[in-house]
Amino acid sequence: MKLFNRMPAEVRAAVVPPDRVLTYAEGPDGYVIATDRALYLGGVRLPWFQVDRGVWDEEGLTVVTTAGQSHRALLPEPGRIPEAVRERVTASIVVSQYAPLDARGGVRLVARKADDDRMIWEFVFDPGMDPADPGLRALAEQALEETRRSFGV
């Protein structure tokens, strides 16, 4: 029986200071590491405020970023990684408010706290709405200003 659970040297070497390791799991393609500030996945550091969601299946984890990129890690034994991903992504969200725009639908306004305490806002338009439409963009900007005022952020 081990008295101490020593962190592997590969995990320590992969993490950039001042990130602090919360948990890790080893898969066939290397380690997945959850820190207080980021998720390390396949050699990529993803700050929590850039992680939109994590999706689990019996083989592993798929992470989708707020920019729409997808990253996949096979993790047959994920350990505490699922809980850490859920908790850290949720903790990064400061505001999530739905705003109806017009008869076609609305937008979810999401504010996430970056590592440097800045608020990063994103628009998540309903399916079928064109985010490049200048009219919709103007309505979304107006909704954002109202939301920022009401939440004081």
Protein backbone atom coordinates (compact mmCIF):
# COMPACT_ATOMS: atom_id res chain seq x y z
CA MET A 1 0.00 0.00 0.00
CA LYS A 2 1.32 3.45 -0.95
CA LEU A 3 1.56 5.96 1.85
CA PHE A 4 1.86 8.91 -0.51
CA ASN A 5 0.21 9.47 -3.88
CA ARG A 6 3.05 11.12 -5.76
CA MET A 7 2.23 13.23 -8.77
CA PRO A 8 4.00 11.94 -11.89
CA ALA A 9 6.88 14.08 -13.16
CA GLU A 10 5.11 14.41 -16.55
CA VAL A 11 2.13 16.08 -14.84
CA ARG A 12 4.32 18.49 -12.88
CA ALA A 13 6.32 19.35 -16.01
CA ALA A 14 3.22 20.01 -18.14
CA VAL A 15 1.66 22.57 -15.80
CA VAL A 16 2.59 26.23 -16.19
CA PRO A 17 2.98 28.26 -12.98
CA PRO A 18 1.00 29.66 -11.24
CA ASP A 19 -1.52 26.92 -12.20
CA ARG A 20 -2.15 24.46 -9.36
CA VAL A 21 -3.05 20.84 -10.14
CA LEU A 22 -6.47 19.79 -8.81
CA THR A 23 -6.62 16.32 -10.39
CA TYR A 24 -5.32 14.33 -13.35
CA ALA A 25 -5.97 11.12 -15.23
CA GLU A 26 -3.88 9.16 -17.67
CA GLY A 27 -5.20 8.06 -21.04
CA PRO A 28 -3.58 6.33 -24.02
CA ASP A 29 -2.57 9.73 -25.46
CA GLY A 30 -1.12 11.11 -22.22
CA TYR A 31 -2.43 12.97 -19.21
CA VAL A 32 -5.51 15.14 -18.86
CA ILE A 33 -4.84 17.65 -16.09
CA ALA A 34 -7.34 19.92 -14.37
CA THR A 35 -5.80 22.88 -12.59
CA ASP A 36 -7.34 25.83 -10.79
CA ARG A 37 -6.90 27.98 -13.94
CA ALA A 38 -6.97 25.66 -16.96
CA LEU A 39 -7.52 22.24 -18.44
CA TYR A 40 -4.48 20.59 -20.03
CA LEU A 41 -5.65 18.31 -22.78
CA GLY A 42 -3.43 16.66 -25.39
CA GLY A 43 -0.63 19.18 -24.95
CA VAL A 44 -3.04 22.13 -25.16
CA ARG A 45 -3.72 24.50 -22.26
CA LEU A 46 -7.36 25.65 -22.26
CA PRO A 47 -8.14 28.36 -19.69
CA TRP A 48 -11.47 27.63 -18.02
CA PHE A 49 -13.10 30.80 -19.35
CA GLN A 50 -12.50 29.47 -22.88
CA VAL A 51 -14.16 26.11 -22.20
CA ASP A 52 -17.82 26.13 -23.21
CA ARG A 53 -18.58 22.55 -22.21
CA GLY A 54 -17.26 19.07 -21.65
CA VAL A 55 -19.12 16.06 -23.01
CA TRP A 56 -18.47 12.59 -21.60
CA ASP A 57 -19.01 9.15 -23.06
CA GLU A 58 -17.75 5.68 -22.15
CA GLU A 59 -14.45 6.31 -23.96
CA GLY A 60 -13.51 9.76 -22.75
CA LEU A 61 -13.95 13.50 -22.89
CA THR A 62 -14.75 15.95 -25.67
CA VAL A 63 -14.22 19.60 -24.80
CA VAL A 64 -15.79 22.37 -26.89
CA THR A 65 -14.32 25.86 -26.56
CA THR A 66 -16.22 29.14 -26.70
CA ALA A 67 -14.63 29.61 -30.15
CA GLY A 68 -16.26 26.35 -31.34
CA GLN A 69 -13.10 24.21 -31.42
CA SER A 70 -13.38 20.61 -30.30
CA HIS A 71 -10.71 18.65 -28.40
CA ARG A 72 -10.92 14.93 -27.62
CA ALA A 73 -9.15 12.83 -24.99
CA LEU A 74 -9.58 9.12 -24.48
CA LEU A 75 -9.92 8.42 -20.75
CA PRO A 76 -10.98 4.89 -19.87
CA GLU A 77 -10.54 5.72 -16.15
CA PRO A 78 -11.29 9.45 -15.76
CA GLY A 79 -11.00 9.58 -11.97
CA ARG A 80 -12.12 12.99 -10.70
CA ILE A 81 -11.67 14.78 -14.05
CA PRO A 82 -15.45 14.90 -14.85
CA GLU A 83 -16.28 16.61 -11.56
CA ALA A 84 -13.37 19.03 -11.87
CA VAL A 85 -14.34 20.03 -15.44
CA ARG A 86 -17.98 20.57 -14.44
CA GLU A 87 -17.07 22.60 -11.36
CA ARG A 88 -14.42 24.81 -13.00
CA VAL A 89 -16.50 25.59 -16.12
CA THR A 90 -19.48 26.47 -13.93
CA ALA A 91 -17.29 28.61 -11.66
CA SER A 92 -15.99 30.60 -14.64
CA ILE A 93 -19.52 31.75 -15.58
CA VAL A 94 -20.50 34.97 -13.83
CA VAL A 95 -23.68 35.75 -15.80
CA SER A 96 -25.81 33.65 -18.14
CA GLN A 97 -28.92 35.53 -19.22
CA TYR A 98 -31.32 34.81 -22.08
CA ALA A 99 -32.64 37.83 -23.99
CA PRO A 100 -35.41 37.54 -26.60
CA LEU A 101 -34.53 39.67 -29.66
CA ASP A 102 -37.40 39.40 -32.14
CA ALA A 103 -39.97 36.93 -33.44
CA ARG A 104 -37.20 34.64 -34.73
CA GLY A 105 -35.63 34.05 -31.33
CA GLY A 106 -33.05 35.42 -28.94
CA VAL A 107 -29.55 35.27 -27.59
CA ARG A 108 -27.92 33.93 -24.45
CA LEU A 109 -25.50 36.49 -23.00
CA VAL A 110 -22.69 34.79 -21.11
CA ALA A 111 -20.00 36.54 -19.05
CA ARG A 112 -16.99 34.52 -17.99
CA LYS A 113 -14.25 35.61 -15.64
CA ALA A 114 -10.79 35.45 -17.21
CA ASP A 115 -7.61 34.69 -15.24
CA ASP A 116 -6.83 38.42 -15.04
CA ASP A 117 -10.33 39.19 -13.63
CA ARG A 118 -11.61 40.67 -16.92
CA MET A 119 -15.16 39.82 -17.96
CA ILE A 120 -15.33 38.11 -21.35
CA TRP A 121 -18.82 38.35 -22.90
CA GLU A 122 -20.13 36.05 -25.60
CA PHE A 123 -23.34 35.91 -27.61
CA VAL A 124 -24.95 32.50 -28.14
CA PHE A 125 -27.70 33.01 -30.69
CA ASP A 126 -30.65 30.65 -31.03
CA PRO A 127 -30.33 28.06 -33.83
CA GLY A 128 -31.22 29.47 -37.23
CA MET A 129 -30.27 33.04 -36.31
CA ASP A 130 -27.41 34.63 -38.24
CA PRO A 131 -24.86 36.15 -35.81
CA ALA A 132 -23.46 38.22 -38.71
CA ASP A 133 -26.82 39.96 -39.31
CA PRO A 134 -26.18 43.63 -38.40
CA GLY A 135 -29.77 44.11 -37.17
CA LEU A 136 -29.57 41.11 -34.83
CA ARG A 137 -26.09 42.17 -33.72
CA ALA A 138 -27.42 45.63 -32.78
CA LEU A 139 -30.31 44.09 -30.82
CA ALA A 140 -27.88 41.74 -29.04
CA GLU A 141 -25.55 44.64 -28.16
CA GLN A 142 -28.51 46.55 -26.73
CA ALA A 143 -29.55 43.50 -24.68
CA LEU A 144 -25.96 43.18 -23.47
CA GLU A 145 -25.88 46.77 -22.23
CA GLU A 146 -29.16 46.25 -20.35
CA THR A 147 -27.86 43.01 -18.84
CA ARG A 148 -24.56 44.60 -17.81
CA ARG A 149 -26.43 47.45 -16.13
CA SER A 150 -28.85 45.15 -14.30
CA PHE A 151 -26.06 42.86 -13.02
CA GLY A 152 -23.55 45.65 -12.40
CA VAL A 153 -20.80 44.01 -14.46
